[in-house]
N, C-alpha and C. Protein backbone atom coordinates (compact mmCIF):
# COMPACT_ATOMS: atom_id res chain seq x y z
N MET A 1 -86.36 62.36 105.95
CA MET A 1 -85.45 63.27 104.69
C MET A 1 -83.97 62.61 104.56
N HIS A 2 -83.10 61.53 103.85
CA HIS A 2 -81.58 61.52 104.13
C HIS A 2 -80.82 62.67 104.51
N ILE A 3 -81.11 64.06 103.51
CA ILE A 3 -80.49 64.72 104.09
C ILE A 3 -79.86 65.03 105.20
N ILE A 4 -80.44 64.34 106.59
CA ILE A 4 -81.26 64.91 107.80
C ILE A 4 -79.45 64.39 108.35
N LEU A 5 -79.43 62.41 107.97
CA LEU A 5 -78.09 62.27 107.75
C LEU A 5 -77.19 62.60 107.47
N ALA A 6 -76.88 63.52 106.73
CA ALA A 6 -75.70 63.89 106.34
C ALA A 6 -75.05 65.17 107.12
N LEU A 7 -76.56 65.78 107.51
CA LEU A 7 -75.97 66.62 108.43
C LEU A 7 -76.37 67.01 110.21
N ILE A 8 -76.33 65.36 110.45
CA ILE A 8 -75.94 64.97 111.82
C ILE A 8 -74.99 64.45 112.01
N ILE A 9 -74.07 63.43 110.77
CA ILE A 9 -72.58 63.42 110.95
C ILE A 9 -72.01 64.51 110.33
N VAL A 10 -72.15 65.91 109.93
CA VAL A 10 -71.49 67.20 109.40
C VAL A 10 -71.08 67.56 110.95
N GLY A 11 -72.96 67.32 111.82
CA GLY A 11 -73.62 68.04 113.02
C GLY A 11 -71.59 67.08 114.03
N LEU A 12 -71.78 66.03 114.55
CA LEU A 12 -71.30 64.95 115.26
C LEU A 12 -69.82 65.40 115.01
N ASP A 13 -69.10 65.44 113.53
CA ASP A 13 -67.82 65.77 113.70
C ASP A 13 -67.04 67.30 113.94
N GLN A 14 -68.08 68.17 113.23
CA GLN A 14 -67.28 69.31 113.48
C GLN A 14 -67.02 69.53 115.25
N LEU A 15 -68.18 69.30 115.98
CA LEU A 15 -68.30 68.84 117.44
C LEU A 15 -67.27 68.54 117.93
N SER A 16 -67.40 67.30 117.51
CA SER A 16 -65.74 65.99 117.94
C SER A 16 -65.04 67.08 117.85
N LYS A 17 -64.62 67.82 116.37
CA LYS A 17 -63.50 67.85 116.26
C LYS A 17 -62.72 69.81 117.21
N TYR A 18 -64.21 70.04 117.04
CA TYR A 18 -63.97 71.23 118.38
C TYR A 18 -63.71 71.45 119.85
N ILE A 19 -64.41 70.03 120.37
CA ILE A 19 -63.37 69.54 121.19
C ILE A 19 -62.31 68.89 121.50
N ALA A 20 -62.03 68.27 120.07
CA ALA A 20 -60.69 67.93 120.04
C ALA A 20 -59.87 69.12 120.56
N ILE A 21 -59.66 70.47 119.94
CA ILE A 21 -58.79 70.96 119.55
C ILE A 21 -58.72 72.00 121.21
N LEU A 22 -60.14 71.81 121.51
CA LEU A 22 -60.03 72.16 123.40
C LEU A 22 -59.44 71.71 124.10
N ASN A 23 -59.27 70.34 123.86
CA ASN A 23 -58.95 69.18 124.92
C ASN A 23 -57.78 68.88 125.02
N LEU A 24 -56.86 68.28 123.36
CA LEU A 24 -56.23 67.90 123.09
C LEU A 24 -55.14 68.65 122.24
N LYS A 25 -55.38 69.66 122.04
CA LYS A 25 -54.24 70.88 121.40
C LYS A 25 -53.13 71.61 122.02
N GLY A 26 -52.05 70.73 121.70
CA GLY A 26 -51.01 71.32 122.76
C GLY A 26 -50.60 70.69 123.91
N LYS A 27 -51.75 69.49 124.19
CA LYS A 27 -51.12 68.30 125.26
C LYS A 27 -51.29 67.11 125.11
N GLU A 28 -51.19 66.80 126.05
CA GLU A 28 -50.26 64.94 125.50
C GLU A 28 -51.48 63.97 125.41
N PRO A 29 -51.49 62.69 124.69
CA PRO A 29 -52.95 62.21 123.92
C PRO A 29 -53.23 61.85 125.92
N ILE A 30 -54.60 61.52 125.63
CA ILE A 30 -55.12 60.79 126.53
C ILE A 30 -55.51 59.55 126.56
N PRO A 31 -55.10 58.22 126.97
CA PRO A 31 -55.28 57.19 127.01
C PRO A 31 -56.51 57.16 127.32
N VAL A 32 -57.02 55.67 126.45
CA VAL A 32 -59.16 55.78 126.57
C VAL A 32 -58.91 53.86 127.62
N ILE A 33 -58.14 53.11 126.19
CA ILE A 33 -58.02 51.83 126.22
C ILE A 33 -56.03 51.53 126.54
N ASN A 34 -55.49 51.23 127.36
CA ASN A 34 -54.31 51.27 127.47
C ASN A 34 -53.33 50.35 126.84
N ASN A 35 -52.22 51.05 125.69
CA ASN A 35 -51.86 50.28 124.34
C ASN A 35 -52.86 50.11 123.30
N PHE A 36 -54.20 50.63 123.32
CA PHE A 36 -55.02 50.27 121.62
C PHE A 36 -55.56 51.39 121.25
N LEU A 37 -56.31 52.55 122.67
CA LEU A 37 -57.17 53.61 122.05
C LEU A 37 -56.58 54.84 123.15
N GLN A 38 -55.96 55.78 122.07
CA GLN A 38 -56.35 57.10 122.52
C GLN A 38 -56.59 57.90 121.96
N PHE A 39 -56.51 59.12 122.32
CA PHE A 39 -56.49 60.64 121.32
C PHE A 39 -55.87 61.53 121.64
N LYS A 40 -55.72 62.33 120.81
CA LYS A 40 -54.33 62.64 120.46
C LYS A 40 -54.75 63.74 118.89
N TYR A 41 -54.52 64.96 119.54
CA TYR A 41 -54.31 65.92 118.41
C TYR A 41 -53.51 65.57 117.84
N VAL A 42 -53.94 66.20 115.77
CA VAL A 42 -53.20 65.71 115.56
C VAL A 42 -53.97 66.90 114.02
N GLU A 43 -52.84 67.16 113.04
CA GLU A 43 -53.57 68.29 112.52
C GLU A 43 -52.85 67.54 110.37
N ASN A 44 -53.98 66.77 110.28
CA ASN A 44 -53.89 65.90 109.13
C ASN A 44 -53.74 67.79 108.03
N ARG A 45 -52.44 67.51 107.32
CA ARG A 45 -52.42 68.24 106.16
C ARG A 45 -52.48 67.17 104.61
N GLY A 46 -52.93 66.05 104.35
CA GLY A 46 -53.56 65.74 103.49
C GLY A 46 -54.31 64.75 103.05
N ALA A 47 -53.91 64.07 102.89
CA ALA A 47 -56.22 63.31 103.01
C ALA A 47 -55.96 61.60 103.57
N ALA A 48 -56.46 60.90 102.98
CA ALA A 48 -56.20 59.50 103.92
C ALA A 48 -55.05 59.25 103.86
N PHE A 49 -54.78 58.52 105.54
CA PHE A 49 -53.34 57.81 105.61
C PHE A 49 -52.16 59.38 105.26
N GLY A 50 -52.66 60.44 105.35
CA GLY A 50 -51.67 61.35 105.66
C GLY A 50 -50.93 61.66 103.89
N ILE A 51 -51.01 61.06 102.92
CA ILE A 51 -50.83 60.84 101.55
C ILE A 51 -51.15 62.23 100.81
N LEU A 52 -50.55 62.91 99.81
CA LEU A 52 -51.31 63.97 99.36
C LEU A 52 -51.34 65.97 100.19
N GLN A 53 -49.33 65.44 100.75
CA GLN A 53 -49.15 66.54 101.94
C GLN A 53 -49.57 67.98 101.18
N ASN A 54 -49.83 69.41 102.33
CA ASN A 54 -49.84 70.21 101.86
C ASN A 54 -50.18 70.29 100.69
N LYS A 55 -51.10 69.79 100.30
CA LYS A 55 -51.99 69.68 98.58
C LYS A 55 -53.55 69.81 98.67
N GLN A 56 -53.68 70.98 99.76
CA GLN A 56 -55.38 71.27 100.63
C GLN A 56 -55.56 72.03 98.71
N LEU A 57 -55.52 72.47 97.69
CA LEU A 57 -56.19 73.05 96.68
C LEU A 57 -56.57 72.11 96.15
N PRO A 58 -56.28 71.12 95.44
CA PRO A 58 -56.56 70.00 94.77
C PRO A 58 -57.36 68.72 95.61
N LEU A 59 -57.20 68.91 96.68
CA LEU A 59 -58.35 67.97 97.31
C LEU A 59 -59.28 68.53 97.47
N ILE A 60 -58.90 70.02 97.98
CA ILE A 60 -60.89 70.86 97.99
C ILE A 60 -61.29 70.55 96.27
N VAL A 61 -60.71 70.88 95.63
CA VAL A 61 -61.75 70.36 93.90
C VAL A 61 -61.88 69.26 94.20
N PHE A 62 -61.36 68.05 94.55
CA PHE A 62 -61.24 67.50 94.22
C PHE A 62 -62.87 66.10 95.01
N THR A 63 -62.37 67.19 95.73
CA THR A 63 -63.43 65.86 97.10
C THR A 63 -64.80 67.14 96.96
N ILE A 64 -64.56 68.66 95.93
CA ILE A 64 -65.91 68.38 95.58
C ILE A 64 -66.14 68.46 93.91
N ILE A 65 -65.25 68.22 93.13
CA ILE A 65 -66.11 66.73 92.47
C ILE A 65 -67.03 66.39 92.32
N ILE A 66 -66.52 65.41 93.52
CA ILE A 66 -67.00 63.56 93.74
C ILE A 66 -68.45 63.95 94.67
N LEU A 67 -68.39 65.27 95.16
CA LEU A 67 -69.73 65.83 95.98
C LEU A 67 -70.55 65.64 94.38
N ILE A 68 -70.40 66.63 94.11
CA ILE A 68 -71.13 67.27 92.96
C ILE A 68 -71.99 66.26 91.82
N GLY A 69 -70.44 64.64 91.56
CA GLY A 69 -70.67 63.54 91.15
C GLY A 69 -71.80 63.17 91.93
N ILE A 70 -71.58 62.68 93.22
CA ILE A 70 -72.82 61.81 93.99
C ILE A 70 -73.88 62.00 93.80
N PHE A 71 -73.71 63.83 93.98
CA PHE A 71 -75.71 64.62 93.26
C PHE A 71 -76.11 64.26 92.47
N ILE A 72 -75.56 64.47 90.93
CA ILE A 72 -76.08 64.49 90.24
C ILE A 72 -76.01 62.71 90.31
N TYR A 73 -75.90 61.52 90.18
CA TYR A 73 -75.72 60.16 90.63
C TYR A 73 -76.84 59.93 91.40
N LEU A 74 -77.53 60.82 92.45
CA LEU A 74 -78.76 60.33 93.85
C LEU A 74 -80.02 61.35 92.24
N LYS A 75 -79.28 62.53 91.71
CA LYS A 75 -80.68 63.21 90.45
C LYS A 75 -81.40 62.00 89.35
N LYS A 76 -80.17 61.62 89.52
CA LYS A 76 -80.43 60.58 87.87
C LYS A 76 -81.10 59.41 88.19
N ASN A 77 -80.64 58.85 89.07
CA ASN A 77 -81.37 57.70 88.93
C ASN A 77 -82.27 57.39 90.76
N ASN A 78 -83.29 57.10 89.87
CA ASN A 78 -84.64 57.11 90.97
C ASN A 78 -85.05 55.49 91.60
N ASN A 79 -84.21 54.83 90.91
CA ASN A 79 -84.54 53.13 91.32
C ASN A 79 -83.49 52.94 92.29
N LEU A 80 -83.39 53.87 93.82
CA LEU A 80 -81.63 53.34 94.54
C LEU A 80 -82.56 52.24 95.49
N ASN A 81 -82.78 51.60 96.35
CA ASN A 81 -83.14 51.43 97.36
C ASN A 81 -82.29 52.62 98.71
N LYS A 82 -83.41 52.13 99.94
CA LYS A 82 -82.55 52.89 100.49
C LYS A 82 -81.66 53.10 101.22
N MET A 83 -80.88 51.69 101.39
CA MET A 83 -79.81 51.16 101.59
C MET A 83 -79.01 52.30 101.58
N THR A 84 -79.29 52.42 99.90
CA THR A 84 -78.17 52.75 99.07
C THR A 84 -77.93 54.65 99.47
N ILE A 85 -78.97 54.66 98.75
CA ILE A 85 -79.06 56.67 99.22
C ILE A 85 -79.06 56.25 100.59
N MET A 86 -79.04 56.20 101.98
CA MET A 86 -78.80 56.53 102.57
C MET A 86 -76.94 56.32 103.09
N SER A 87 -75.84 54.90 101.78
CA SER A 87 -74.97 55.04 101.68
C SER A 87 -74.61 56.10 101.29
N LEU A 88 -74.88 56.52 100.54
CA LEU A 88 -74.64 58.11 99.19
C LEU A 88 -74.78 59.38 100.32
N TRP A 89 -75.59 59.33 101.13
CA TRP A 89 -76.12 60.59 102.01
C TRP A 89 -74.86 60.56 103.41
N GLY A 90 -74.52 58.93 103.54
CA GLY A 90 -73.66 59.29 104.55
C GLY A 90 -72.26 59.09 104.00
N ILE A 91 -72.33 59.14 102.65
CA ILE A 91 -70.83 59.63 102.49
C ILE A 91 -70.11 61.03 101.92
N VAL A 92 -71.60 61.48 102.47
CA VAL A 92 -72.05 62.93 101.72
C VAL A 92 -71.63 63.71 103.19
N GLY A 93 -71.91 62.90 103.97
CA GLY A 93 -71.71 63.62 104.86
C GLY A 93 -70.35 63.72 106.21
N GLY A 94 -70.37 62.44 105.41
CA GLY A 94 -68.29 61.96 106.40
C GLY A 94 -67.27 63.37 105.40
N THR A 95 -67.55 63.12 104.41
CA THR A 95 -67.14 64.95 103.09
C THR A 95 -67.80 65.90 103.56
N ILE A 96 -68.49 66.30 103.24
CA ILE A 96 -68.46 67.88 103.95
C ILE A 96 -68.08 68.11 105.24
N GLY A 97 -68.09 67.15 106.63
CA GLY A 97 -67.32 67.11 107.83
C GLY A 97 -65.80 67.57 107.38
N ASN A 98 -65.00 66.80 106.19
CA ASN A 98 -63.68 67.20 106.33
C ASN A 98 -63.63 68.38 105.39
N LEU A 99 -64.61 68.19 104.79
CA LEU A 99 -63.63 69.65 103.92
C LEU A 99 -64.48 71.24 104.53
N ILE A 100 -65.15 70.99 105.48
CA ILE A 100 -64.95 72.44 106.51
C ILE A 100 -63.60 72.70 106.96
N ASP A 101 -63.54 71.21 107.46
CA ASP A 101 -61.84 71.41 107.99
C ASP A 101 -60.84 72.02 107.25
N ARG A 102 -60.99 71.67 105.78
CA ARG A 102 -60.16 72.25 104.50
C ARG A 102 -59.55 73.24 104.80
N VAL A 103 -61.35 74.05 104.53
CA VAL A 103 -61.60 74.97 103.81
C VAL A 103 -61.22 75.94 104.66
N ARG A 104 -61.71 75.71 105.98
CA ARG A 104 -61.42 76.89 107.21
C ARG A 104 -60.18 76.66 107.74
N LEU A 105 -59.57 75.37 107.81
CA LEU A 105 -58.02 75.93 108.78
C LEU A 105 -56.99 75.10 107.50
N ASN A 106 -57.27 74.95 106.72
CA ASN A 106 -56.14 74.70 105.39
C ASN A 106 -55.74 73.08 106.85
N PHE A 107 -56.57 72.43 106.94
CA PHE A 107 -56.56 70.88 107.40
C PHE A 107 -57.80 70.03 108.05
N VAL A 108 -56.69 68.97 107.90
CA VAL A 108 -58.10 68.65 108.94
C VAL A 108 -57.83 68.20 110.31
N VAL A 109 -58.19 68.41 111.10
CA VAL A 109 -58.33 68.04 112.60
C VAL A 109 -58.41 65.92 113.13
N ASP A 110 -57.62 65.53 112.99
CA ASP A 110 -58.03 63.74 113.64
C ASP A 110 -57.51 63.78 114.60
N PHE A 111 -58.26 62.81 115.92
CA PHE A 111 -57.78 62.21 117.14
C PHE A 111 -58.23 60.83 117.63
N ILE A 112 -58.80 60.45 116.74
CA ILE A 112 -58.37 59.06 117.15
C ILE A 112 -57.20 58.87 116.81
N ASP A 113 -56.59 57.99 118.05
CA ASP A 113 -55.49 57.00 117.77
C ASP A 113 -55.78 55.20 118.11
N VAL A 114 -55.89 54.60 117.15
CA VAL A 114 -55.93 53.57 117.46
C VAL A 114 -54.52 52.60 117.13
N ASN A 115 -53.95 51.73 117.91
CA ASN A 115 -52.43 51.08 117.78
C ASN A 115 -52.68 49.84 118.12
N PHE A 116 -52.55 48.06 118.03
CA PHE A 116 -53.12 47.35 118.05
C PHE A 116 -52.00 47.14 118.50
N TRP A 117 -52.36 47.28 119.83
CA TRP A 117 -50.69 46.67 120.87
C TRP A 117 -49.44 46.06 120.36
N GLY A 118 -48.80 47.57 119.85
CA GLY A 118 -47.86 47.59 119.27
C GLY A 118 -47.78 46.89 117.62
N TYR A 119 -48.36 45.92 117.18
CA TYR A 119 -48.35 45.38 116.09
C TYR A 119 -48.49 45.87 114.75
N TYR A 120 -49.62 47.18 114.85
CA TYR A 120 -49.63 47.95 113.66
C TYR A 120 -50.87 49.29 114.67
N ASP A 121 -50.01 50.61 114.43
CA ASP A 121 -50.00 51.79 114.74
C ASP A 121 -50.69 52.83 113.40
N PHE A 122 -52.29 52.51 113.55
CA PHE A 122 -53.62 52.73 112.55
C PHE A 122 -53.26 54.55 112.42
N PRO A 123 -53.52 54.77 111.16
CA PRO A 123 -53.21 56.00 111.20
C PRO A 123 -54.34 56.95 112.11
N VAL A 124 -53.68 58.16 112.70
CA VAL A 124 -55.18 59.12 113.62
C VAL A 124 -56.29 59.47 112.27
N PHE A 125 -56.95 59.41 112.95
CA PHE A 125 -58.49 59.78 112.04
C PHE A 125 -59.28 59.97 112.75
N ASN A 126 -60.75 60.59 112.37
CA ASN A 126 -62.01 61.17 113.09
C ASN A 126 -62.97 60.95 112.72
N ILE A 127 -64.20 61.60 113.32
CA ILE A 127 -65.59 60.88 113.47
C ILE A 127 -66.47 61.12 112.11
N ALA A 128 -65.95 62.01 111.43
CA ALA A 128 -66.22 61.67 109.84
C ALA A 128 -65.69 60.64 108.88
N ASP A 129 -63.62 60.66 109.24
CA ASP A 129 -63.68 59.06 108.63
C ASP A 129 -64.24 58.06 109.23
N SER A 130 -64.83 58.39 110.68
CA SER A 130 -65.11 57.04 110.61
C SER A 130 -67.07 56.53 109.79
N PHE A 131 -67.39 57.43 110.04
CA PHE A 131 -68.50 57.62 108.67
C PHE A 131 -68.10 56.85 107.40
N LEU A 132 -66.85 57.58 106.55
CA LEU A 132 -66.83 57.64 105.60
C LEU A 132 -66.50 56.43 105.62
N VAL A 133 -65.68 55.45 106.22
CA VAL A 133 -65.10 53.88 105.71
C VAL A 133 -66.42 53.04 105.80
N VAL A 134 -67.71 53.14 106.81
CA VAL A 134 -68.59 52.42 107.45
C VAL A 134 -69.13 52.34 105.93
N PHE A 135 -69.53 53.61 105.19
CA PHE A 135 -70.85 53.99 104.30
C PHE A 135 -70.05 53.46 103.14
N THR A 136 -68.96 54.00 102.66
CA THR A 136 -68.43 53.14 101.76
C THR A 136 -68.41 51.12 101.48
N ILE A 137 -67.93 50.47 102.55
CA ILE A 137 -67.68 49.38 103.00
C ILE A 137 -69.43 49.27 102.99
N LEU A 138 -70.85 49.23 103.52
CA LEU A 138 -72.10 49.57 103.45
C LEU A 138 -72.42 49.25 101.29
N LEU A 139 -71.85 50.57 100.60
CA LEU A 139 -72.12 50.47 99.67
C LEU A 139 -71.61 49.42 98.71
N SER A 140 -70.19 49.63 99.12
CA SER A 140 -69.47 48.65 98.41
C SER A 140 -69.80 47.59 97.80
N GLY A 141 -70.75 46.87 99.07
CA GLY A 141 -71.38 45.41 99.60
C GLY A 141 -72.23 45.82 98.99
N LEU A 142 -73.42 46.32 98.68
CA LEU A 142 -74.94 46.68 97.95
C LEU A 142 -73.98 46.42 95.99
N VAL A 143 -73.40 47.02 96.23
CA VAL A 143 -73.00 47.12 94.62
C VAL A 143 -72.13 45.68 94.98
N PHE A 144 -71.81 45.03 94.95
CA PHE A 144 -70.90 44.02 94.79
C PHE A 144 -72.02 42.97 94.86
N PHE A 145 -73.01 43.36 95.45
CA PHE A 145 -74.13 42.06 95.49
C PHE A 145 -74.97 42.22 94.90
N GLU A 146 -75.44 43.29 94.35
CA GLU A 146 -76.06 43.96 92.67
C GLU A 146 -77.40 43.48 94.11
N LYS A 147 -77.37 44.72 94.86
CA LYS A 147 -78.80 44.91 95.96
C LYS A 147 -78.93 46.57 95.52
N TYR A 148 -78.22 47.30 95.17
CA TYR A 148 -78.18 48.44 95.30
C TYR A 148 -79.04 48.91 94.31
N GLU A 149 -80.07 48.48 93.95
CA GLU A 149 -81.31 49.13 93.54
C GLU A 149 -83.06 49.10 94.64
N ARG A 150 -83.38 49.19 94.12
CA ARG A 150 -85.19 48.58 94.46
C ARG A 150 -85.30 47.56 93.47
N VAL A 151 -86.55 47.38 94.78
CA VAL A 151 -87.29 45.39 93.82
C VAL A 151 -88.53 45.51 94.26
N ASP A 152 -88.53 46.12 93.05
CA ASP A 152 -90.51 45.95 92.70
C ASP A 152 -91.39 44.92 92.98
N GLU A 153 -91.84 45.07 93.96
CA GLU A 153 -92.58 43.65 94.54
C GLU A 153 -93.45 43.26 92.92
N ILE A 154 -93.43 42.23 93.11
CA ILE A 154 -94.00 41.09 91.60
C ILE A 154 -95.76 41.24 92.02
N GLU A 155 -96.46 42.10 90.85
CA GLU A 155 -97.78 41.65 91.21
C GLU A 155 -98.13 40.61 90.74
N GLU A 156 -99.08 39.59 91.55
CA GLU A 156 -99.86 38.30 90.59
C GLU A 156 -100.91 38.13 89.99
């Protein structure tokens, strides 16, 4: 069942954030690939790319509305293919991973820091964010190419 995917994402996300807090909070960043990737503890009190700083309540409410919308959409549409359903449950998993932080900590733990050799310093992110981006891109592609519904085999 696809709910297991969401649970795995939440579990990986929360475990990685726990490890980040233990090993990175209050410490120097840990370089992984010189001038490209490091692990660095950041408390994100906003949304993606740091927008809406210190607006936790509206972000929590908006997140819950999005989750309810996804659940209603999944319930009402029985003609979605497996990739679409998987994408939606992947988005649910990533969303819940960050929602747990917002509710529990009043911020989201980010720790993956990518810098493209000084040309562009990407905002610090986490595992939940990664899954959100991957599954949103997958879902967008399915919708764009109109491949989000099941195609029943043609009977001859």
